[in-house]
Amino acid sequence: MGSYDGAETCELVGNFLLSQLQNLDINLGLNRDDGLAVTNATPKEIENVKKEICRIFNDNGLRITIEANKRIINFLDVTLNLKKSTFQPFTKPNTTF
């Protein structure tokens, strides 16, 4: 992802994968190599969705790491708190400006 072509390729592959994931009962978004999904499904249904996402990525020769059932997440440069419906800036530990 170090060059313009790499970023464009990542966007293209991401959109292709989103098209294959659109039939799942989740709200899903991607930003280059990061993704975030939200759903009201039960934990058992979420496990089935995780398996389906992994299958789709595997069918395309890719691997994915999924963390599920989180209430507070750090996505890009924002911390999202789903319990309190709040957000705040996020920086990684040891980040210098």
Protein backbone atom coordinates (compact mmCIF):
# COMPACT_ATOMS: atom_id res chain seq x y z
CA MET A 1 0.00 0.00 0.00
CA GLY A 2 2.97 2.31 -0.29
CA SER A 3 2.07 3.75 -3.67
CA TYR A 4 -0.91 5.26 -5.43
CA ASP A 5 -1.43 2.06 -7.43
CA GLY A 6 -1.39 0.00 -4.23
CA ALA A 7 -4.06 2.18 -2.64
CA GLU A 8 -6.21 2.05 -5.77
CA THR A 9 -5.86 -1.74 -5.93
CA CYS A 10 -6.85 -2.01 -2.27
CA GLU A 11 -9.98 0.08 -2.93
CA LEU A 12 -10.89 -2.04 -5.94
CA VAL A 13 -10.47 -5.35 -4.09
CA GLY A 14 -12.38 -3.94 -1.12
CA ASN A 15 -15.33 -2.96 -3.30
CA PHE A 16 -15.29 -6.40 -4.94
CA LEU A 17 -15.41 -8.07 -1.51
CA LEU A 18 -18.18 -5.73 -0.33
CA SER A 19 -20.24 -6.80 -3.34
CA GLN A 20 -19.85 -10.43 -2.27
CA LEU A 21 -20.77 -9.61 1.35
CA GLN A 22 -23.86 -7.52 0.61
CA ASN A 23 -26.31 -10.39 1.18
CA LEU A 24 -25.27 -10.75 4.85
CA ASP A 25 -27.48 -9.15 7.50
CA ILE A 26 -24.85 -6.60 8.60
CA ASN A 27 -23.93 -2.98 7.96
CA LEU A 28 -20.38 -3.19 6.68
CA GLY A 29 -17.85 -0.61 5.60
CA LEU A 30 -14.22 -0.65 4.52
CA ASN A 31 -11.43 1.90 4.54
CA ARG A 32 -8.50 0.46 2.60
CA ASP A 33 -7.40 -2.48 4.77
CA ASP A 34 -9.67 -1.81 7.78
CA GLY A 35 -13.29 -2.81 8.06
CA LEU A 36 -16.12 -2.31 10.51
CA ALA A 37 -19.47 -4.08 10.72
CA VAL A 38 -22.53 -3.48 12.91
CA THR A 39 -25.49 -5.77 13.41
CA ASN A 40 -28.32 -6.48 15.86
CA ALA A 41 -27.86 -10.24 15.42
CA THR A 42 -27.55 -12.68 18.30
CA PRO A 43 -24.10 -14.01 19.25
CA LYS A 44 -24.88 -17.33 17.52
CA GLU A 45 -25.95 -15.53 14.33
CA ILE A 46 -22.80 -13.41 14.52
CA GLU A 47 -20.67 -16.56 14.65
CA ASN A 48 -22.40 -17.81 11.50
CA VAL A 49 -21.78 -14.45 9.78
CA LYS A 50 -18.11 -14.59 10.82
CA LYS A 51 -17.79 -18.05 9.27
CA GLU A 52 -19.40 -16.85 6.06
CA ILE A 53 -17.11 -13.81 5.85
CA CYS A 54 -14.06 -16.04 6.41
CA ARG A 55 -15.32 -18.42 3.70
CA ILE A 56 -15.74 -15.60 1.19
CA PHE A 57 -12.27 -14.22 1.91
CA ASN A 58 -10.78 -17.73 1.73
CA ASP A 59 -12.51 -18.37 -1.62
CA ASN A 60 -10.72 -15.26 -2.91
CA GLY A 61 -7.32 -16.39 -1.57
CA LEU A 62 -7.36 -13.94 1.35
CA ARG A 63 -7.26 -14.19 5.14
CA ILE A 64 -9.14 -12.06 7.63
CA THR A 65 -9.05 -11.50 11.38
CA ILE A 66 -12.44 -10.80 12.97
CA GLU A 67 -13.16 -9.57 16.49
CA ALA A 68 -16.85 -9.80 17.34
CA ASN A 69 -19.26 -8.69 20.05
CA LYS A 70 -17.29 -5.57 20.97
CA ARG A 71 -19.00 -2.62 22.64
CA ILE A 72 -16.02 -0.24 22.48
CA ILE A 73 -13.77 -0.22 19.42
CA ASN A 74 -10.92 1.81 18.02
CA PHE A 75 -11.44 2.28 14.29
CA LEU A 76 -8.97 4.40 12.39
CA ASP A 77 -8.54 7.48 14.60
CA VAL A 78 -11.84 7.28 16.51
CA THR A 79 -12.93 5.35 19.60
CA LEU A 80 -16.57 4.32 19.23
CA ASN A 81 -18.60 3.40 22.31
CA LEU A 82 -21.74 1.58 21.21
CA LYS A 83 -23.14 1.29 24.75
CA LYS A 84 -23.11 5.03 25.37
CA SER A 85 -23.49 6.06 21.70
CA THR A 86 -20.40 8.26 21.98
CA PHE A 87 -17.15 8.75 20.14
CA GLN A 88 -13.80 10.39 20.88
CA PRO A 89 -10.42 10.77 19.19
CA PHE A 90 -8.08 7.79 19.34
CA THR A 91 -4.32 7.63 18.99
CA LYS A 92 -2.22 4.53 19.28
CA PRO A 93 -0.02 4.18 22.36
CA ASN A 94 3.47 5.70 21.98
CA THR A 95 2.32 7.93 19.11
CA THR A 96 4.40 11.09 18.84
CA PHE A 97 3.32 14.24 17.04
